[in-house]
Amino acid sequence: KGFAQAADKPIVCVSSIEALAYNAFYYDGLICPMLDAQRDQLYAGAYISDGKVLSEHKPENVYEFSQMLSIINESGKNALLLGDGAKKFYARCSDKFKNNVIIGQENILMPRASNVARIALDKISQGKINDCFTAMPNYIRAAQAEENIVKRQK
């Protein structure tokens, strides 16, 4: 934001979860990017691609392992797990999958800068541009320290 303000340049906000999903843009099945949110939870989403457009199947959110398992099983599709939460989730849930579920290879487990740029270009063409004053990070969940403060105040 500081560079954008100093250079008077626009900002395009790109989700880490969406950028991670783009690593598997051509996968024929459910694309499940997931980041370890601790406490048996995942920052995750679910996407489907037709090879031209990546569509959101389930929105980015904090999901319990059981919720993500239901999303995958109810889709009726094979699934590809990506992100630093993939191995932990797979280890806990692999005996409960109804469809073929695999973990992506190491080279696609983390977001790539090229995919961030690709998403940013798409957003620019759609006019989804911010400036240094309107660009805000999307914190899906409050930090644990913030949650602890709220609990103590009750």
N, C-alpha and C. Protein backbone atom coordinates (compact mmCIF):
# COMPACT_ATOMS: atom_id res chain seq x y z
N LYS A 1 0.83 -1.19 0.00
CA LYS A 1 0.00 0.00 0.00
C LYS A 1 0.87 1.25 0.00
N GLY A 2 2.00 1.16 0.71
CA GLY A 2 2.91 2.31 0.76
C GLY A 2 3.49 2.63 -0.60
N PHE A 3 3.91 1.61 -1.34
CA PHE A 3 4.44 1.83 -2.68
C PHE A 3 3.37 2.41 -3.59
N ALA A 4 2.16 1.89 -3.49
CA ALA A 4 1.07 2.38 -4.33
C ALA A 4 0.77 3.84 -4.04
N GLN A 5 0.80 4.21 -2.77
CA GLN A 5 0.54 5.60 -2.41
C GLN A 5 1.66 6.51 -2.91
N ALA A 6 2.89 6.10 -2.70
CA ALA A 6 4.03 6.93 -3.12
C ALA A 6 4.10 7.09 -4.63
N ALA A 7 3.77 6.03 -5.36
CA ALA A 7 3.86 6.06 -6.82
C ALA A 7 2.54 6.42 -7.49
N ASP A 8 1.50 6.65 -6.68
CA ASP A 8 0.16 6.95 -7.19
C ASP A 8 -0.29 5.88 -8.18
N LYS A 9 -0.21 4.62 -7.74
CA LYS A 9 -0.57 3.48 -8.58
C LYS A 9 -1.76 2.74 -7.97
N PRO A 10 -2.55 2.08 -8.81
CA PRO A 10 -3.68 1.30 -8.30
C PRO A 10 -3.21 -0.01 -7.66
N ILE A 11 -4.11 -0.62 -6.91
CA ILE A 11 -3.85 -1.91 -6.26
C ILE A 11 -4.96 -2.88 -6.68
N VAL A 12 -4.56 -4.11 -6.92
CA VAL A 12 -5.53 -5.16 -7.19
C VAL A 12 -5.39 -6.19 -6.07
N CYS A 13 -6.46 -6.47 -5.37
CA CYS A 13 -6.43 -7.43 -4.26
C CYS A 13 -6.66 -8.84 -4.80
N VAL A 14 -5.77 -9.76 -4.43
CA VAL A 14 -5.85 -11.14 -4.90
C VAL A 14 -5.82 -12.07 -3.69
N SER A 15 -6.74 -12.99 -3.66
CA SER A 15 -6.85 -13.96 -2.58
C SER A 15 -5.79 -15.06 -2.71
N SER A 16 -5.16 -15.39 -1.60
CA SER A 16 -4.18 -16.49 -1.58
C SER A 16 -4.85 -17.82 -1.92
N ILE A 17 -6.06 -18.01 -1.44
CA ILE A 17 -6.79 -19.26 -1.71
C ILE A 17 -7.09 -19.38 -3.21
N GLU A 18 -7.56 -18.30 -3.82
CA GLU A 18 -7.85 -18.32 -5.25
C GLU A 18 -6.57 -18.53 -6.06
N ALA A 19 -5.49 -17.85 -5.66
CA ALA A 19 -4.21 -18.01 -6.37
C ALA A 19 -3.73 -19.46 -6.28
N LEU A 20 -3.93 -20.08 -5.16
CA LEU A 20 -3.55 -21.48 -4.98
C LEU A 20 -4.39 -22.38 -5.89
N ALA A 21 -5.68 -22.10 -6.00
CA ALA A 21 -6.57 -22.90 -6.86
C ALA A 21 -6.12 -22.83 -8.32
N TYR A 22 -5.61 -21.68 -8.74
CA TYR A 22 -5.16 -21.53 -10.13
C TYR A 22 -4.00 -22.45 -10.47
N ASN A 23 -3.28 -22.96 -9.47
CA ASN A 23 -2.21 -23.93 -9.74
C ASN A 23 -2.75 -25.18 -10.43
N ALA A 24 -4.02 -25.45 -10.25
CA ALA A 24 -4.64 -26.66 -10.82
C ALA A 24 -5.72 -26.28 -11.82
N PHE A 25 -5.52 -25.20 -12.54
CA PHE A 25 -6.53 -24.65 -13.45
C PHE A 25 -7.11 -25.69 -14.40
N TYR A 26 -6.31 -26.64 -14.85
CA TYR A 26 -6.78 -27.61 -15.84
C TYR A 26 -7.19 -28.95 -15.23
N TYR A 27 -7.28 -29.01 -13.91
CA TYR A 27 -7.69 -30.25 -13.26
C TYR A 27 -9.18 -30.49 -13.48
N ASP A 28 -9.53 -31.71 -13.85
CA ASP A 28 -10.92 -32.07 -14.10
C ASP A 28 -11.51 -32.70 -12.84
N GLY A 29 -11.99 -31.88 -11.97
CA GLY A 29 -12.56 -32.32 -10.70
C GLY A 29 -12.65 -31.15 -9.75
N LEU A 30 -12.82 -31.43 -8.49
CA LEU A 30 -12.93 -30.39 -7.48
C LEU A 30 -11.53 -29.97 -7.04
N ILE A 31 -11.25 -28.69 -7.12
CA ILE A 31 -9.96 -28.14 -6.72
C ILE A 31 -10.15 -27.55 -5.33
N CYS A 32 -9.39 -28.06 -4.37
CA CYS A 32 -9.58 -27.67 -2.97
C CYS A 32 -8.30 -27.07 -2.37
N PRO A 33 -8.12 -25.76 -2.51
CA PRO A 33 -7.00 -25.12 -1.84
C PRO A 33 -7.31 -24.99 -0.35
N MET A 34 -6.33 -25.30 0.48
CA MET A 34 -6.57 -25.26 1.93
C MET A 34 -5.30 -24.88 2.67
N LEU A 35 -5.44 -23.91 3.54
CA LEU A 35 -4.33 -23.48 4.38
C LEU A 35 -4.66 -23.86 5.82
N ASP A 36 -3.67 -24.33 6.53
CA ASP A 36 -3.87 -24.78 7.91
C ASP A 36 -4.21 -23.58 8.79
N ALA A 37 -5.41 -23.60 9.38
CA ALA A 37 -5.86 -22.52 10.26
C ALA A 37 -5.71 -22.90 11.73
N GLN A 38 -5.04 -24.04 11.99
CA GLN A 38 -4.86 -24.57 13.34
C GLN A 38 -6.23 -24.98 13.93
N ARG A 39 -6.23 -25.51 15.10
CA ARG A 39 -7.45 -25.93 15.81
C ARG A 39 -8.38 -26.81 14.96
N ASP A 40 -7.78 -27.69 14.15
CA ASP A 40 -8.54 -28.58 13.26
C ASP A 40 -9.46 -27.82 12.32
N GLN A 41 -8.97 -26.70 11.84
CA GLN A 41 -9.71 -25.90 10.88
C GLN A 41 -8.82 -25.57 9.68
N LEU A 42 -9.48 -25.21 8.59
CA LEU A 42 -8.79 -24.85 7.36
C LEU A 42 -9.33 -23.55 6.81
N TYR A 43 -8.45 -22.70 6.30
CA TYR A 43 -8.88 -21.61 5.43
C TYR A 43 -8.96 -22.27 4.07
N ALA A 44 -10.13 -22.34 3.50
CA ALA A 44 -10.27 -23.13 2.28
C ALA A 44 -11.40 -22.62 1.40
N GLY A 45 -11.47 -23.18 0.24
CA GLY A 45 -12.54 -22.96 -0.71
C GLY A 45 -12.57 -24.17 -1.62
N ALA A 46 -13.51 -24.20 -2.53
CA ALA A 46 -13.58 -25.29 -3.51
C ALA A 46 -13.92 -24.68 -4.86
N TYR A 47 -13.23 -25.14 -5.89
CA TYR A 47 -13.36 -24.57 -7.22
C TYR A 47 -13.52 -25.68 -8.25
N ILE A 48 -14.12 -25.32 -9.37
CA ILE A 48 -14.24 -26.22 -10.51
C ILE A 48 -13.79 -25.44 -11.74
N SER A 49 -13.03 -26.09 -12.60
CA SER A 49 -12.55 -25.44 -13.82
C SER A 49 -13.03 -26.20 -15.04
N ASP A 50 -13.39 -25.44 -16.07
CA ASP A 50 -13.72 -26.07 -17.35
C ASP A 50 -12.56 -25.92 -18.34
N GLY A 51 -11.41 -25.48 -17.84
CA GLY A 51 -10.25 -25.26 -18.69
C GLY A 51 -10.20 -23.86 -19.27
N LYS A 52 -11.28 -23.10 -19.08
CA LYS A 52 -11.34 -21.71 -19.55
C LYS A 52 -11.59 -20.75 -18.40
N VAL A 53 -12.44 -21.19 -17.48
CA VAL A 53 -12.83 -20.35 -16.34
C VAL A 53 -12.76 -21.19 -15.06
N LEU A 54 -12.22 -20.59 -14.02
CA LEU A 54 -12.21 -21.23 -12.71
C LEU A 54 -13.42 -20.68 -11.95
N SER A 55 -14.34 -21.56 -11.57
CA SER A 55 -15.57 -21.14 -10.90
C SER A 55 -15.54 -21.57 -9.44
N GLU A 56 -16.06 -20.69 -8.59
CA GLU A 56 -16.13 -20.99 -7.17
C GLU A 56 -17.28 -21.97 -6.91
N HIS A 57 -16.96 -23.11 -6.31
CA HIS A 57 -17.97 -24.10 -5.93
C HIS A 57 -18.44 -23.84 -4.50
N LYS A 58 -17.49 -23.55 -3.61
CA LYS A 58 -17.77 -23.16 -2.23
C LYS A 58 -16.87 -21.98 -1.90
N PRO A 59 -17.41 -20.95 -1.25
CA PRO A 59 -16.62 -19.74 -1.00
C PRO A 59 -15.49 -19.95 0.00
N GLU A 60 -14.53 -19.07 -0.07
CA GLU A 60 -13.44 -19.06 0.91
C GLU A 60 -14.03 -18.83 2.28
N ASN A 61 -13.57 -19.63 3.23
CA ASN A 61 -14.08 -19.49 4.59
C ASN A 61 -13.19 -20.31 5.51
N VAL A 62 -13.49 -20.28 6.78
CA VAL A 62 -12.85 -21.18 7.74
C VAL A 62 -13.77 -22.39 7.84
N TYR A 63 -13.22 -23.55 7.55
CA TYR A 63 -14.00 -24.78 7.59
C TYR A 63 -13.40 -25.75 8.61
N GLU A 64 -14.27 -26.41 9.35
CA GLU A 64 -13.85 -27.54 10.17
C GLU A 64 -13.47 -28.66 9.21
N PHE A 65 -12.63 -29.57 9.64
CA PHE A 65 -12.26 -30.71 8.78
C PHE A 65 -13.51 -31.45 8.31
N SER A 66 -14.47 -31.65 9.21
CA SER A 66 -15.69 -32.38 8.86
C SER A 66 -16.50 -31.65 7.79
N GLN A 67 -16.51 -30.32 7.84
CA GLN A 67 -17.23 -29.55 6.82
C GLN A 67 -16.57 -29.70 5.45
N MET A 68 -15.25 -29.64 5.43
CA MET A 68 -14.53 -29.78 4.16
C MET A 68 -14.71 -31.18 3.60
N LEU A 69 -14.71 -32.17 4.46
CA LEU A 69 -14.95 -33.54 4.04
C LEU A 69 -16.33 -33.66 3.38
N SER A 70 -17.34 -33.04 3.97
CA SER A 70 -18.69 -33.07 3.40
C SER A 70 -18.74 -32.38 2.05
N ILE A 71 -18.06 -31.25 1.92
CA ILE A 71 -18.03 -30.53 0.64
C ILE A 71 -17.46 -31.44 -0.45
N ILE A 72 -16.37 -32.11 -0.13
CA ILE A 72 -15.73 -32.99 -1.12
C ILE A 72 -16.62 -34.18 -1.44
N ASN A 73 -17.13 -34.85 -0.43
CA ASN A 73 -17.96 -36.04 -0.66
C ASN A 73 -19.26 -35.71 -1.37
N GLU A 74 -19.89 -34.60 -1.02
CA GLU A 74 -21.16 -34.24 -1.63
C GLU A 74 -21.01 -33.75 -3.07
N SER A 75 -19.80 -33.36 -3.46
CA SER A 75 -19.59 -32.88 -4.84
C SER A 75 -19.73 -34.01 -5.85
N GLY A 76 -19.45 -35.24 -5.40
CA GLY A 76 -19.50 -36.38 -6.32
C GLY A 76 -18.35 -36.40 -7.31
N LYS A 77 -17.35 -35.55 -7.09
CA LYS A 77 -16.22 -35.44 -8.01
C LYS A 77 -14.93 -35.91 -7.35
N ASN A 78 -13.97 -36.27 -8.18
CA ASN A 78 -12.62 -36.49 -7.67
C ASN A 78 -12.11 -35.14 -7.20
N ALA A 79 -11.18 -35.14 -6.25
CA ALA A 79 -10.71 -33.87 -5.70
C ALA A 79 -9.19 -33.83 -5.63
N LEU A 80 -8.67 -32.63 -5.83
CA LEU A 80 -7.23 -32.36 -5.71
C LEU A 80 -7.04 -31.39 -4.57
N LEU A 81 -6.25 -31.77 -3.58
CA LEU A 81 -5.99 -30.93 -2.41
C LEU A 81 -4.68 -30.18 -2.61
N LEU A 82 -4.70 -28.88 -2.30
CA LEU A 82 -3.53 -28.03 -2.44
C LEU A 82 -3.33 -27.24 -1.16
N GLY A 83 -2.11 -26.79 -0.91
CA GLY A 83 -1.85 -25.91 0.22
C GLY A 83 -1.23 -26.63 1.40
N ASP A 84 -0.82 -25.82 2.39
CA ASP A 84 -0.12 -26.40 3.54
C ASP A 84 -1.05 -27.17 4.48
N GLY A 85 -2.34 -27.09 4.26
CA GLY A 85 -3.28 -27.87 5.06
C GLY A 85 -3.65 -29.20 4.42
N ALA A 86 -3.21 -29.42 3.18
CA ALA A 86 -3.63 -30.60 2.42
C ALA A 86 -3.18 -31.91 3.06
N LYS A 87 -1.92 -32.00 3.45
CA LYS A 87 -1.40 -33.26 4.00
C LYS A 87 -2.05 -33.60 5.34
N LYS A 88 -2.22 -32.60 6.19
CA LYS A 88 -2.84 -32.82 7.50
C LYS A 88 -4.30 -33.26 7.33
N PHE A 89 -5.02 -32.58 6.44
CA PHE A 89 -6.41 -32.91 6.18
C PHE A 89 -6.52 -34.33 5.60
N TYR A 90 -5.68 -34.64 4.64
CA TYR A 90 -5.70 -35.96 4.01
C TYR A 90 -5.42 -37.06 5.04
N ALA A 91 -4.43 -36.82 5.89
CA ALA A 91 -4.07 -37.82 6.91
C ALA A 91 -5.23 -38.10 7.85
N ARG A 92 -6.00 -37.06 8.18
CA ARG A 92 -7.11 -37.22 9.12
C ARG A 92 -8.36 -37.81 8.47
N CYS A 93 -8.54 -37.56 7.17
CA CYS A 93 -9.82 -37.88 6.55
C CYS A 93 -9.76 -38.92 5.43
N SER A 94 -8.58 -39.42 5.08
CA SER A 94 -8.44 -40.28 3.90
C SER A 94 -9.33 -41.52 3.94
N ASP A 95 -9.63 -42.03 5.10
CA ASP A 95 -10.48 -43.22 5.19
C ASP A 95 -11.97 -42.91 5.05
N LYS A 96 -12.31 -41.62 4.93
CA LYS A 96 -13.72 -41.22 4.85
C LYS A 96 -14.11 -40.67 3.47
N PHE A 97 -13.15 -40.58 2.54
CA PHE A 97 -13.45 -40.04 1.22
C PHE A 97 -14.31 -41.02 0.42
N LYS A 98 -15.33 -40.50 -0.26
CA LYS A 98 -16.18 -41.33 -1.11
C LYS A 98 -15.67 -41.35 -2.55
N ASN A 99 -14.86 -40.37 -2.91
CA ASN A 99 -14.34 -40.26 -4.27
C ASN A 99 -12.82 -40.33 -4.22
N ASN A 100 -12.20 -40.34 -5.40
CA ASN A 100 -10.75 -40.33 -5.47
C ASN A 100 -10.25 -38.94 -5.06
N VAL A 101 -9.43 -38.87 -4.04
CA VAL A 101 -8.89 -37.61 -3.54
C VAL A 101 -7.38 -37.74 -3.49
N ILE A 102 -6.69 -36.77 -4.08
CA ILE A 102 -5.23 -36.79 -4.10
C ILE A 102 -4.67 -35.45 -3.62
N ILE A 103 -3.43 -35.49 -3.18
CA ILE A 103 -2.72 -34.27 -2.79
C ILE A 103 -1.87 -33.86 -3.98
N GLY A 104 -1.86 -32.58 -4.29
CA GLY A 104 -1.06 -32.08 -5.40
C GLY A 104 0.42 -32.33 -5.18
N GLN A 105 1.16 -32.37 -6.27
CA GLN A 105 2.61 -32.52 -6.18
C GLN A 105 3.19 -31.29 -5.50
N GLU A 106 4.38 -31.45 -4.94
CA GLU A 106 5.03 -30.37 -4.18
C GLU A 106 5.10 -29.06 -4.96
N ASN A 107 5.31 -29.13 -6.27
CA ASN A 107 5.49 -27.90 -7.06
C ASN A 107 4.21 -27.09 -7.23
N ILE A 108 3.06 -27.63 -6.82
CA ILE A 108 1.81 -26.85 -6.92
C ILE A 108 1.12 -26.67 -5.58
N LEU A 109 1.80 -26.99 -4.50
CA LEU A 109 1.16 -26.89 -3.18
C LEU A 109 1.07 -25.47 -2.63
N MET A 110 1.87 -24.56 -3.14
CA MET A 110 1.86 -23.18 -2.66
C MET A 110 1.53 -22.23 -3.81
N PRO A 111 0.95 -21.05 -3.51
CA PRO A 111 0.59 -20.11 -4.58
C PRO A 111 1.81 -19.69 -5.40
N ARG A 112 1.59 -19.44 -6.68
CA ARG A 112 2.64 -18.99 -7.58
C ARG A 112 2.40 -17.53 -7.94
N ALA A 113 3.48 -16.79 -8.05
CA ALA A 113 3.39 -15.38 -8.41
C ALA A 113 2.73 -15.21 -9.78
N SER A 114 3.00 -16.12 -10.70
CA SER A 114 2.42 -16.03 -12.04
C SER A 114 0.89 -16.12 -11.99
N ASN A 115 0.36 -16.91 -11.07
CA ASN A 115 -1.09 -17.01 -10.93
C ASN A 115 -1.68 -15.76 -10.28
N VAL A 116 -0.95 -15.18 -9.34
CA VAL A 116 -1.39 -13.91 -8.74
C VAL A 116 -1.49 -12.86 -9.84
N ALA A 117 -0.48 -12.81 -10.72
CA ALA A 117 -0.49 -11.85 -11.83
C ALA A 117 -1.65 -12.13 -12.78
N ARG A 118 -1.90 -13.39 -13.07
CA ARG A 118 -2.99 -13.76 -13.97
C ARG A 118 -4.34 -13.30 -13.42
N ILE A 119 -4.57 -13.55 -12.14
CA ILE A 119 -5.82 -13.13 -11.50
C ILE A 119 -5.92 -11.61 -11.49
N ALA A 120 -4.81 -10.95 -11.18
CA ALA A 120 -4.79 -9.48 -11.16
C ALA A 120 -5.15 -8.91 -12.52
N LEU A 121 -4.60 -9.47 -13.59
CA LEU A 121 -4.93 -9.00 -14.94
C LEU A 121 -6.41 -9.17 -15.23
N ASP A 122 -6.98 -10.31 -14.84
CA ASP A 122 -8.42 -10.53 -15.02
C ASP A 122 -9.23 -9.48 -14.26
N LYS A 123 -8.83 -9.20 -13.04
CA LYS A 123 -9.55 -8.21 -12.22
C LYS A 123 -9.43 -6.81 -12.81
N ILE A 124 -8.26 -6.48 -13.31
CA ILE A 124 -8.07 -5.17 -13.95
C ILE A 124 -9.00 -5.04 -15.15
N SER A 125 -9.10 -6.09 -15.97
CA SER A 125 -9.98 -6.03 -17.15
C SER A 125 -11.45 -5.91 -16.75
N GLN A 126 -11.79 -6.36 -15.54
CA GLN A 126 -13.16 -6.25 -15.03
C GLN A 126 -13.38 -4.96 -14.24
N GLY A 127 -12.34 -4.15 -14.11
CA GLY A 127 -12.45 -2.89 -13.38
C GLY A 127 -12.43 -3.04 -11.87
N LYS A 128 -11.98 -4.19 -11.37
CA LYS A 128 -11.92 -4.43 -9.92
C LYS A 128 -10.58 -3.94 -9.38
N ILE A 129 -10.47 -2.63 -9.28
CA ILE A 129 -9.21 -1.99 -8.89
C ILE A 129 -9.45 -1.16 -7.64
N ASN A 130 -8.46 -1.16 -6.75
CA ASN A 130 -8.51 -0.35 -5.54
C ASN A 130 -7.39 0.67 -5.56
N ASP A 131 -7.42 1.55 -4.58
CA ASP A 131 -6.27 2.44 -4.37
C ASP A 131 -5.73 2.15 -2.97
N CYS A 132 -4.72 2.88 -2.58
CA CYS A 132 -4.07 2.58 -1.29
C CYS A 132 -5.00 2.81 -0.10
N PHE A 133 -6.09 3.51 -0.30
CA PHE A 133 -7.01 3.79 0.81
C PHE A 133 -8.16 2.78 0.89
N THR A 134 -8.49 2.15 -0.24
CA THR A 134 -9.62 1.21 -0.24
C THR A 134 -9.19 -0.25 -0.23
N ALA A 135 -7.94 -0.54 -0.54
CA ALA A 135 -7.45 -1.92 -0.53
C ALA A 135 -7.29 -2.40 0.91
N MET A 136 -7.95 -3.49 1.22
CA MET A 136 -7.89 -4.03 2.58
C MET A 136 -7.69 -5.54 2.52
N PRO A 137 -6.91 -6.08 3.42
CA PRO A 137 -6.78 -7.54 3.47
C PRO A 137 -8.09 -8.17 3.91
N ASN A 138 -8.34 -9.38 3.45
CA ASN A 138 -9.55 -10.10 3.82
C ASN A 138 -9.19 -11.12 4.89
N TYR A 139 -9.34 -10.75 6.14
CA TYR A 139 -9.08 -11.67 7.23
C TYR A 139 -10.35 -12.48 7.46
N ILE A 140 -10.29 -13.75 7.14
CA ILE A 140 -11.47 -14.60 7.24
C ILE A 140 -11.88 -14.80 8.69
N ARG A 141 -10.90 -14.85 9.57
CA ARG A 141 -11.17 -15.08 10.99
C ARG A 141 -10.28 -14.15 11.80
N ALA A 142 -10.77 -13.71 12.94
CA ALA A 142 -9.94 -12.89 13.83
C ALA A 142 -8.77 -13.72 14.35
N ALA A 143 -7.67 -13.07 14.63
CA ALA A 143 -6.51 -13.76 15.19
C ALA A 143 -6.87 -14.34 16.56
N GLN A 144 -6.18 -15.39 16.96
CA GLN A 144 -6.49 -16.03 18.24
C GLN A 144 -6.34 -15.05 19.40
N ALA A 145 -5.37 -14.17 19.33
CA ALA A 145 -5.19 -13.18 20.40
C ALA A 145 -6.42 -12.29 20.51
N GLU A 146 -6.98 -11.90 19.36
CA GLU A 146 -8.19 -11.07 19.37
C GLU A 146 -9.37 -11.85 19.95
N GLU A 147 -9.48 -13.12 19.59
CA GLU A 147 -10.56 -13.95 20.13
C GLU A 147 -10.43 -14.10 21.65
N ASN A 148 -9.20 -14.25 22.14
CA ASN A 148 -8.98 -14.37 23.59
C ASN A 148 -9.38 -13.10 24.33
N ILE A 149 -9.10 -11.94 23.76
CA ILE A 149 -9.48 -10.67 24.37
C ILE A 149 -11.00 -10.57 24.48
N VAL A 150 -11.70 -10.95 23.41
CA VAL A 150 -13.16 -10.91 23.42
C VAL A 150 -13.71 -11.85 24.49
N LYS A 151 -13.13 -13.05 24.61
CA LYS A 151 -13.58 -14.01 25.63
C LYS A 151 -13.41 -13.45 27.03
N ARG A 152 -12.27 -12.79 27.27
CA ARG A 152 -12.01 -12.23 28.61
C ARG A 152 -12.96 -11.09 28.94
N GLN A 153 -13.41 -10.37 27.94
CA GLN A 153 -14.29 -9.22 28.16
C GLN A 153 -15.72 -9.65 28.46
N LYS A 154 -16.06 -10.89 28.17
CA LYS A 154 -17.44 -11.36 28.39
C LYS A 154 -17.69 -11.73 29.81
